[in-house]
Amino acid sequence: MSKIVAVDVTDVRFPTSADLDGSDAMNPDPDYSAAYLRVGTDSDEDSARGHAGYGFVFTIGRGNDVQVAAVRSLAERLIGRDAEELLADLGGVWRELVYDSQWRWLGPEKGVSHMAVGAVVNALWDLRAKREGLPLWQLLARLSPAEIVDLVDFRYLSDALTREEALELLTAAEPGRAEREATLLAEGYPAYTTTPGWLGYSDEKLEHLSKEAVADGYTQIKLKVGSDLAEDKRRLRIARDAVGPDVKIAIDANQRWDVTEAIDWVNALAEFDLAWIEEPTNPDDVLAHAAISRGVAPVPVATGEHAANRVIFKQLLQAGGAQVVQIDATRVAGVNENLAILLLAAKFGVRVCPHAGGVGLCEVVQHLSMFDVVALSGTTQDRMIEYVDHLHEHFVEPVVIENARYRPPQRPGSGAEMHAASVEQYTWAR
């Protein structure tokens, strides 16, 4: 038996605003940051193998200290708990933390408090995967359908997805798991890149990086839009000329517009053959997303990186407000809630293209898409994981992209662990 004996939370901030990496219409000067959690045990085996569980919440600078305080407050409740009991019942742990009557009041199930739950849950998944000697995607994909549904809380979802329906989806996908895993290991998972498209980049940098993306094999890039329509048209023309007619271009407004403005703006840009419009309006406004979807069709609406919880995703799908679901590794309450969202997307037949524009998000969210293709949807058709070429060098197992495809991680864990030297160097001091 081992116990949780240490939780350490660090305020890590990278000065990405210096080069305007990550800049968009609503966030012109982001400093990519993480409320970074380490969970340690007193196990001799964990010590011998260097095992600890890591999780984090992604932010963009100011306020990261608030997120750190929330993660620390919640994570300290693990100290003294039996590690084996926690790791054997991560569905129960999720429910315990999310439905805590006092902690829940701070949300409920949204914002700083809910994301703190995600950091704790993800750190425990990282520890479990390390103990079992498997990358997280492989651990999840080898669970039985019954074990997977036990991880998901169906409260508030049953009008759209029941436990029985989820079990049917997973059971139907069981045949062929081994073959799909082998294909994934051989071929990787498709990626698209946002690297060329940050709003603060010069025309020359936009053109150069767009051409470089095509040369690297990408079949889709993404550009930030929303500050000025004439500027958006000009920049999209540069990008379209750079990539040619066969490469898809998605656009991302980062919640900038009201409904009518979004419809008019997207229709004015439709001449550039848009792959999708991402986050056109407030992430909580389900009916606005549905109206925009009707108003800009056939351009798909993609959203989800700021959707607070599984209930928002349920409503978006019920209302026809999202044609592309964008899960995020750290916005909702961790792996368990993202499994619920993947199941909802499968029930509604909507493709999933995760958000990964932030420090560590590529490293972690790839595991969820890889679980999905092996054990749930069974396909990568029209599905891609976002890739941004920033800050990967700070992670113990950085993502590997070959021919515009994510190579499946092989190291046990979730990919959330940073190099100690990087954490020390970029720890923020007031």
Protein backbone atom coordinates (compact mmCIF):
# COMPACT_ATOMS: atom_id res chain seq x y z
CA MET A 1 0.00 0.00 0.00
CA SER A 2 1.21 3.50 -0.80
CA LYS A 3 -0.07 6.94 0.10
CA ILE A 4 -0.12 10.32 -1.55
CA VAL A 5 2.44 12.30 0.44
CA ALA A 6 3.16 15.40 -1.67
CA VAL A 7 1.41 17.81 -3.99
CA ASP A 8 3.46 20.60 -5.50
CA VAL A 9 1.92 23.33 -7.65
CA THR A 10 4.05 25.80 -9.61
CA ASP A 11 3.18 28.99 -11.47
CA VAL A 12 4.98 28.50 -14.80
CA ARG A 13 4.88 31.29 -17.41
CA PHE A 14 6.58 31.53 -20.79
CA PRO A 15 7.08 35.01 -22.38
CA THR A 16 5.41 34.20 -25.71
CA SER A 17 4.02 37.72 -26.00
CA ALA A 18 7.51 38.92 -26.93
CA ASP A 19 7.13 37.45 -30.43
CA LEU A 20 3.29 37.59 -30.49
CA ASP A 21 3.09 33.81 -30.58
CA GLY A 22 -0.50 32.90 -29.76
CA SER A 23 -1.91 36.34 -30.59
CA ASP A 24 -5.50 36.62 -31.79
CA ALA A 25 -8.39 39.06 -31.95
CA MET A 26 -9.32 38.70 -28.27
CA ASN A 27 -5.90 37.86 -26.82
CA PRO A 28 -3.31 40.18 -28.41
CA ASP A 29 -0.43 39.53 -25.98
CA PRO A 30 -0.61 36.04 -24.44
CA ASP A 31 2.10 34.61 -22.22
CA TYR A 32 1.54 30.87 -22.37
CA SER A 33 1.36 29.62 -18.79
CA ALA A 34 0.54 26.59 -16.70
CA ALA A 35 -0.65 25.93 -13.18
CA TYR A 36 1.56 22.85 -12.96
CA LEU A 37 0.84 20.03 -10.49
CA ARG A 38 3.02 17.18 -9.27
CA VAL A 39 1.49 14.39 -7.16
CA GLY A 40 3.97 12.16 -5.32
CA THR A 41 3.64 8.97 -3.25
CA ASP A 42 5.69 7.20 -0.59
CA SER A 43 5.99 4.06 -2.74
CA ASP A 44 9.49 2.63 -3.02
CA GLU A 45 8.59 1.40 -6.51
CA ASP A 46 7.45 4.86 -7.56
CA SER A 47 10.65 6.35 -6.18
CA ALA A 48 12.82 3.77 -7.91
CA ARG A 49 11.15 4.36 -11.26
CA GLY A 50 10.79 8.10 -10.93
CA HIS A 51 7.01 7.85 -10.85
CA ALA A 52 4.94 10.89 -9.98
CA GLY A 53 1.72 12.13 -11.52
CA TYR A 54 1.65 15.41 -13.42
CA GLY A 55 -1.22 17.59 -14.56
CA PHE A 56 -1.70 21.23 -15.41
CA VAL A 57 -4.16 23.92 -16.39
CA PHE A 58 -3.26 26.09 -19.37
CA THR A 59 -3.70 29.87 -19.03
CA ILE A 60 -2.21 32.86 -20.85
CA GLY A 61 -0.54 34.87 -18.08
CA ARG A 62 -2.29 37.14 -15.57
CA GLY A 63 -4.52 35.06 -13.34
CA ASN A 64 -2.34 31.98 -13.47
CA ASP A 65 -1.65 32.57 -9.78
CA VAL A 66 -5.39 32.28 -9.11
CA GLN A 67 -5.48 28.95 -10.95
CA VAL A 68 -2.42 27.77 -9.02
CA ALA A 69 -4.17 28.56 -5.73
CA ALA A 70 -7.25 26.60 -6.80
CA VAL A 71 -5.24 23.55 -7.90
CA ARG A 72 -3.24 23.60 -4.66
CA SER A 73 -6.34 23.91 -2.49
CA LEU A 74 -7.99 20.94 -4.17
CA ALA A 75 -4.89 18.75 -4.58
CA GLU A 76 -3.99 19.00 -0.89
CA ARG A 77 -7.07 16.91 -0.18
CA LEU A 78 -5.23 13.93 -1.69
CA ILE A 79 -2.48 13.95 0.94
CA GLY A 80 -2.65 10.84 3.10
CA ARG A 81 -5.05 9.04 0.77
CA ASP A 82 -4.37 5.47 -0.40
CA ALA A 83 -2.90 5.73 -3.89
CA GLU A 84 -4.02 2.28 -5.02
CA GLU A 85 -7.63 2.99 -4.01
CA LEU A 86 -7.63 6.31 -5.85
CA LEU A 87 -6.12 4.92 -9.04
CA ALA A 88 -8.44 1.92 -9.07
CA ASP A 89 -11.55 4.11 -8.99
CA LEU A 90 -10.88 7.23 -11.04
CA GLY A 91 -14.55 7.46 -11.91
CA GLY A 92 -15.32 7.67 -8.21
CA VAL A 93 -12.56 10.23 -7.66
CA TRP A 94 -14.01 12.38 -10.45
CA ARG A 95 -17.47 12.32 -8.87
CA GLU A 96 -16.06 13.03 -5.41
CA LEU A 97 -14.21 16.13 -6.57
CA VAL A 98 -16.83 17.50 -8.98
CA TYR A 99 -19.77 16.99 -6.61
CA ASP A 100 -18.07 18.22 -3.46
CA SER A 101 -20.85 20.37 -2.03
CA GLN A 102 -18.61 23.27 -0.99
CA TRP A 103 -16.08 23.24 -3.83
CA ARG A 104 -18.86 22.84 -6.39
CA TRP A 105 -20.41 26.13 -5.27
CA LEU A 106 -17.50 27.99 -6.87
CA GLY A 107 -18.61 26.81 -10.33
CA PRO A 108 -20.63 24.80 -10.49
CA GLU A 109 -18.66 22.78 -13.05
CA LYS A 110 -17.05 25.72 -14.77
CA GLY A 111 -14.12 28.08 -14.56
CA VAL A 112 -11.16 28.02 -12.21
CA SER A 113 -12.59 25.47 -9.78
CA HIS A 114 -13.62 22.97 -12.47
CA MET A 115 -10.31 23.25 -14.31
CA ALA A 116 -8.56 22.58 -11.00
CA VAL A 117 -10.44 19.29 -10.81
CA GLY A 118 -9.09 18.52 -14.29
CA ALA A 119 -5.50 19.10 -13.20
CA VAL A 120 -5.88 16.74 -10.23
CA VAL A 121 -7.72 14.05 -12.21
CA ASN A 122 -5.20 14.23 -15.06
CA ALA A 123 -2.27 13.95 -12.65
CA LEU A 124 -3.76 10.77 -11.22
CA TRP A 125 -4.26 9.36 -14.73
CA ASP A 126 -0.62 10.18 -15.49
CA LEU A 127 0.47 8.29 -12.37
CA ARG A 128 -1.76 5.32 -13.18
CA ALA A 129 -0.46 5.09 -16.75
CA LYS A 130 3.13 5.21 -15.51
CA ARG A 131 2.47 2.48 -12.99
CA GLU A 132 0.90 0.30 -15.69
CA GLY A 133 3.78 0.97 -18.07
CA LEU A 134 1.58 2.36 -20.85
CA PRO A 135 1.06 5.68 -22.60
CA LEU A 136 -2.32 7.05 -21.59
CA TRP A 137 -3.95 6.51 -24.99
CA GLN A 138 -3.05 2.83 -24.91
CA LEU A 139 -4.20 2.39 -21.33
CA LEU A 140 -7.60 3.92 -22.14
CA ALA A 141 -7.99 2.04 -25.42
CA ARG A 142 -7.38 -1.30 -23.71
CA LEU A 143 -10.06 -0.82 -21.05
CA SER A 144 -13.26 -2.77 -21.53
CA PRO A 145 -16.41 -0.92 -22.60
CA ALA A 146 -17.84 -1.42 -19.11
CA GLU A 147 -14.69 0.01 -17.49
CA ILE A 148 -14.85 3.06 -19.75
CA VAL A 149 -18.50 3.86 -19.03
CA ASP A 150 -17.78 3.50 -15.32
CA LEU A 151 -15.43 6.48 -15.69
CA VAL A 152 -18.17 8.71 -17.12
CA ASP A 153 -20.85 10.54 -15.16
CA PHE A 154 -24.13 10.53 -17.08
CA ARG A 155 -25.93 13.01 -14.82
CA TYR A 156 -27.30 15.84 -17.01
CA LEU A 157 -26.55 13.80 -20.16
CA SER A 158 -29.21 11.11 -20.17
CA ASP A 159 -31.64 13.08 -22.35
CA ALA A 160 -28.98 12.86 -25.08
CA LEU A 161 -26.79 9.89 -24.11
CA THR A 162 -27.50 7.12 -21.66
CA ARG A 163 -25.06 4.72 -20.07
CA GLU A 164 -26.60 1.91 -22.14
CA GLU A 165 -26.13 3.83 -25.39
CA ALA A 166 -22.51 4.61 -24.50
CA LEU A 167 -21.89 0.95 -23.76
CA GLU A 168 -23.40 0.01 -27.12
CA LEU A 169 -21.13 2.48 -28.95
CA LEU A 170 -18.02 1.14 -27.25
CA THR A 171 -19.02 -2.51 -27.64
CA ALA A 172 -19.72 -2.00 -31.35
CA ALA A 173 -16.19 -0.58 -31.72
CA GLU A 174 -14.47 -3.48 -29.93
CA PRO A 175 -13.90 -5.61 -33.05
CA GLY A 176 -10.84 -4.31 -34.85
CA ARG A 177 -9.23 -2.54 -31.88
CA ALA A 178 -5.94 -4.37 -32.32
CA GLU A 179 -5.84 -3.66 -36.06
CA ARG A 180 -6.61 0.03 -35.55
CA GLU A 181 -3.93 0.29 -32.87
CA ALA A 182 -1.41 -1.26 -35.26
CA THR A 183 -2.43 1.15 -38.02
CA LEU A 184 -2.13 4.11 -35.66
CA LEU A 185 1.35 3.03 -34.60
CA ALA A 186 2.40 2.63 -38.23
CA GLU A 187 0.79 5.73 -39.72
CA GLY A 188 0.22 8.22 -36.90
CA TYR A 189 -2.71 10.62 -36.48
CA PRO A 190 -3.38 13.53 -38.91
CA ALA A 191 -2.46 17.05 -37.81
CA TYR A 192 -3.20 20.56 -38.99
CA THR A 193 -1.15 23.60 -38.04
CA THR A 194 -1.96 27.02 -36.62
CA THR A 195 1.70 28.03 -36.62
CA PRO A 196 1.39 30.43 -39.61
CA GLY A 197 -1.78 32.14 -38.49
CA TRP A 198 -1.22 34.23 -35.36
CA LEU A 199 -2.77 37.66 -35.79
CA GLY A 200 0.31 39.60 -34.77
CA TYR A 201 2.58 38.06 -37.40
CA SER A 202 3.83 40.14 -40.33
CA ASP A 203 2.71 39.43 -43.90
CA GLU A 204 6.13 38.05 -44.68
CA LYS A 205 6.04 35.66 -41.73
CA LEU A 206 2.50 34.55 -42.62
CA GLU A 207 3.50 33.79 -46.20
CA HIS A 208 6.73 32.04 -45.27
CA LEU A 209 5.15 29.83 -42.60
CA SER A 210 2.19 28.98 -44.85
CA LYS A 211 4.52 27.78 -47.60
CA GLU A 212 6.59 25.90 -45.04
CA ALA A 213 3.45 24.13 -43.76
CA VAL A 214 2.66 22.88 -47.26
CA ALA A 215 6.24 21.72 -47.73
CA ASP A 216 5.97 19.83 -44.43
CA GLY A 217 2.92 17.96 -45.70
CA TYR A 218 0.06 19.74 -43.94
CA THR A 219 -3.26 19.68 -45.76
CA GLN A 220 -4.84 22.32 -43.49
CA ILE A 221 -3.69 25.51 -41.79
CA LYS A 222 -5.59 27.92 -39.55
CA LEU A 223 -5.61 31.73 -39.42
CA LYS A 224 -6.81 34.02 -36.67
CA VAL A 225 -9.41 36.57 -37.76
CA GLY A 226 -11.89 39.05 -36.35
CA SER A 227 -10.25 42.43 -35.79
CA ASP A 228 -10.81 43.99 -39.23
CA LEU A 229 -12.64 42.49 -42.20
CA ALA A 230 -10.51 44.16 -44.86
CA GLU A 231 -7.36 42.95 -43.08
CA ASP A 232 -8.76 39.45 -42.82
CA LYS A 233 -9.45 39.37 -46.56
CA ARG A 234 -5.96 40.60 -47.32
CA ARG A 235 -4.29 38.07 -45.02
CA LEU A 236 -6.44 35.21 -46.29
CA ARG A 237 -5.47 36.11 -49.85
CA ILE A 238 -1.79 35.93 -48.87
CA ALA A 239 -2.34 32.55 -47.24
CA ARG A 240 -4.45 31.16 -50.08
CA ASP A 241 -1.88 32.24 -52.68
CA ALA A 242 0.87 30.67 -50.55
CA VAL A 243 -0.78 27.28 -50.02
CA GLY A 244 -2.64 26.91 -53.31
CA PRO A 245 -6.20 25.73 -53.93
CA ASP A 246 -5.95 22.23 -52.48
CA VAL A 247 -4.90 23.01 -48.90
CA LYS A 248 -7.73 23.79 -46.48
CA ILE A 249 -7.78 27.03 -44.50
CA ALA A 250 -9.73 27.24 -41.25
CA ILE A 251 -10.37 30.56 -39.51
CA ASP A 252 -10.67 31.28 -35.79
CA ALA A 253 -12.39 34.37 -34.33
CA ASN A 254 -11.72 33.49 -30.67
CA GLN A 255 -15.23 34.53 -29.53
CA ARG A 256 -14.97 37.98 -31.12
CA TRP A 257 -18.40 38.46 -32.73
CA ASP A 258 -22.08 38.82 -32.04
CA VAL A 259 -24.46 36.63 -34.08
CA THR A 260 -25.28 38.91 -37.02
CA GLU A 261 -21.69 40.14 -37.22
CA ALA A 262 -20.41 36.56 -37.30
CA ILE A 263 -22.75 35.53 -40.10
CA ASP A 264 -21.96 38.57 -42.22
CA TRP A 265 -18.20 38.31 -41.61
CA VAL A 266 -17.93 34.60 -42.41
CA ASN A 267 -20.06 34.92 -45.52
CA ALA A 268 -17.80 37.76 -46.67
CA LEU A 269 -14.80 35.44 -46.30
CA ALA A 270 -16.42 32.34 -47.79
CA GLU A 271 -14.74 33.01 -51.14
CA PHE A 272 -11.54 31.61 -49.62
CA ASP A 273 -13.07 28.11 -49.33
CA LEU A 274 -13.06 27.91 -45.54
CA ALA A 275 -12.57 24.62 -43.73
CA TRP A 276 -14.47 25.95 -40.70
CA ILE A 277 -15.12 29.00 -38.56
CA GLU A 278 -13.90 28.43 -35.03
CA GLU A 279 -15.29 30.07 -31.88
CA PRO A 280 -17.36 32.71 -33.66
CA THR A 281 -19.07 33.96 -30.49
CA ASN A 282 -19.40 33.54 -26.71
CA PRO A 283 -18.60 29.90 -25.86
CA ASP A 284 -21.61 29.57 -23.53
CA ASP A 285 -24.15 30.84 -26.07
CA VAL A 286 -25.50 27.60 -27.51
CA LEU A 287 -28.40 29.19 -29.39
CA ALA A 288 -26.07 31.75 -30.97
CA HIS A 289 -23.87 28.94 -32.26
CA ALA A 290 -26.94 27.24 -33.73
CA ALA A 291 -28.03 30.46 -35.45
CA ILE A 292 -24.54 31.07 -36.81
CA SER A 293 -24.36 27.47 -38.05
CA ARG A 294 -27.54 28.02 -40.04
CA GLY A 295 -26.39 31.42 -41.27
CA VAL A 296 -22.94 30.42 -42.57
CA ALA A 297 -23.70 26.93 -43.93
CA PRO A 298 -22.08 25.10 -45.64
CA VAL A 299 -19.07 26.48 -43.70
CA PRO A 300 -18.93 24.31 -40.54
CA VAL A 301 -18.81 25.82 -37.05
CA ALA A 302 -16.06 24.45 -34.80
CA THR A 303 -16.04 25.11 -31.08
CA GLY A 304 -15.26 23.66 -27.68
CA GLU A 305 -11.90 24.88 -26.39
CA HIS A 306 -13.69 27.19 -23.94
CA ALA A 307 -16.81 25.09 -23.42
CA ALA A 308 -17.02 24.74 -19.66
CA ASN A 309 -18.33 21.21 -19.34
CA ARG A 310 -20.00 18.22 -20.94
CA VAL A 311 -23.44 19.85 -20.62
CA ILE A 312 -22.48 22.69 -22.98
CA PHE A 313 -21.22 20.13 -25.50
CA LYS A 314 -24.46 18.18 -25.16
CA GLN A 315 -26.52 21.28 -25.89
CA LEU A 316 -24.32 22.36 -28.79
CA LEU A 317 -24.86 18.97 -30.40
CA GLN A 318 -28.57 18.86 -29.65
CA ALA A 319 -29.07 22.33 -31.14
CA GLY A 320 -26.88 21.79 -34.20
CA GLY A 321 -24.48 24.48 -33.04
CA ALA A 322 -21.24 22.57 -33.66
CA GLN A 323 -20.26 20.59 -36.73
CA VAL A 324 -16.72 20.13 -35.40
CA VAL A 325 -16.19 19.31 -31.71
CA GLN A 326 -12.97 20.71 -30.25
CA ILE A 327 -12.11 19.05 -26.97
CA ASP A 328 -9.37 20.59 -24.83
CA ALA A 329 -7.15 18.65 -22.43
CA THR A 330 -7.38 21.14 -19.56
CA ARG A 331 -10.57 23.21 -19.92
CA VAL A 332 -13.02 20.62 -18.56
CA ALA A 333 -12.54 18.31 -15.57
CA GLY A 334 -9.90 16.06 -17.03
CA VAL A 335 -9.79 12.75 -18.88
CA ASN A 336 -13.12 11.47 -17.55
CA GLU A 337 -15.16 14.42 -18.78
CA ASN A 338 -13.41 14.37 -22.14
CA LEU A 339 -14.41 10.72 -22.49
CA ALA A 340 -18.01 11.82 -21.96
CA ILE A 341 -17.64 14.46 -24.69
CA LEU A 342 -16.10 11.96 -27.11
CA LEU A 343 -19.05 9.64 -26.48
CA LEU A 344 -21.50 12.48 -27.12
CA ALA A 345 -19.76 13.30 -30.40
CA ALA A 346 -19.94 9.64 -31.41
CA LYS A 347 -23.64 9.46 -30.56
CA PHE A 348 -24.37 12.54 -32.72
CA GLY A 349 -22.00 11.52 -35.52
CA VAL A 350 -19.92 14.70 -35.27
CA ARG A 351 -16.18 14.70 -35.95
CA VAL A 352 -13.68 15.67 -33.26
CA CYS A 353 -10.67 17.90 -34.01
CA PRO A 354 -9.05 18.83 -30.67
CA HIS A 355 -7.79 22.24 -29.66
CA ALA A 356 -4.07 22.19 -28.89
CA GLY A 357 -2.94 25.81 -29.19
CA GLY A 358 -1.19 26.22 -25.86
CA VAL A 359 1.67 25.02 -23.72
CA GLY A 360 1.47 21.24 -23.26
CA LEU A 361 -1.91 20.84 -24.94
CA CYS A 362 -0.51 18.97 -27.95
CA GLU A 363 1.34 16.60 -25.63
CA VAL A 364 -1.77 15.63 -23.65
CA VAL A 365 -4.77 15.88 -26.00
CA GLN A 366 -3.23 13.56 -28.60
CA HIS A 367 -3.85 10.70 -26.17
CA LEU A 368 -7.60 11.36 -26.24
CA SER A 369 -7.84 11.37 -30.04
CA MET A 370 -5.76 8.22 -30.23
CA PHE A 371 -8.04 6.50 -27.73
CA ASP A 372 -10.99 7.61 -29.84
CA VAL A 373 -9.73 6.13 -33.11
CA VAL A 374 -8.81 2.82 -31.51
CA ALA A 375 -11.75 2.27 -29.16
CA LEU A 376 -14.67 4.50 -30.15
CA SER A 377 -15.04 6.27 -33.51
CA GLY A 378 -12.65 3.92 -35.29
CA THR A 379 -11.71 6.54 -37.88
CA THR A 380 -9.46 9.50 -38.63
CA GLN A 381 -11.56 10.52 -41.64
CA ASP A 382 -11.84 14.34 -41.64
CA ARG A 383 -10.32 14.39 -38.14
CA MET A 384 -7.15 16.23 -37.20
CA ILE A 385 -5.37 17.37 -34.06
CA GLU A 386 -4.21 20.98 -33.97
CA TYR A 387 -0.45 21.46 -33.91
CA VAL A 388 1.41 24.58 -32.83
CA ASP A 389 5.19 24.63 -32.92
CA HIS A 390 5.81 26.28 -29.55
CA LEU A 391 7.40 25.17 -26.25
CA HIS A 392 7.52 21.42 -26.85
CA GLU A 393 11.16 21.31 -25.84
CA HIS A 394 10.13 21.85 -22.22
CA PHE A 395 8.39 18.46 -21.97
CA VAL A 396 9.95 15.14 -21.08
CA GLU A 397 8.16 13.51 -24.02
CA PRO A 398 7.51 16.22 -26.60
CA VAL A 399 5.14 15.54 -29.47
CA VAL A 400 6.68 14.07 -32.58
CA ILE A 401 5.29 15.18 -35.93
CA GLU A 402 6.30 13.33 -39.09
CA ASN A 403 4.77 14.11 -42.47
CA ALA A 404 2.11 16.23 -40.75
CA ARG A 405 1.02 13.36 -38.51
CA TYR A 406 1.32 12.87 -34.76
CA ARG A 407 3.44 9.85 -33.94
CA PRO A 408 1.80 7.91 -31.06
CA PRO A 409 3.63 8.47 -27.76
CA GLN A 410 5.44 5.43 -26.42
CA ARG A 411 6.54 6.61 -22.99
CA PRO A 412 4.24 5.63 -20.09
CA GLY A 413 2.07 8.49 -18.85
CA SER A 414 -0.02 11.32 -20.24
CA GLY A 415 2.76 13.53 -21.62
CA ALA A 416 2.16 16.28 -19.06
CA GLU A 417 5.55 16.10 -17.33
CA MET A 418 7.92 19.03 -17.90
CA HIS A 419 11.68 19.05 -17.47
CA ALA A 420 12.58 20.17 -13.97
CA ALA A 421 15.02 22.71 -15.38
CA SER A 422 12.28 24.31 -17.48
CA VAL A 423 9.95 24.55 -14.51
CA GLU A 424 12.69 26.15 -12.44
CA GLN A 425 13.66 28.60 -15.18
CA TYR A 426 10.14 29.78 -15.94
CA THR A 427 8.63 29.81 -12.46
CA TRP A 428 6.96 33.18 -12.17
CA ALA A 429 7.93 35.53 -9.37
CA ARG A 430 5.96 38.64 -8.50
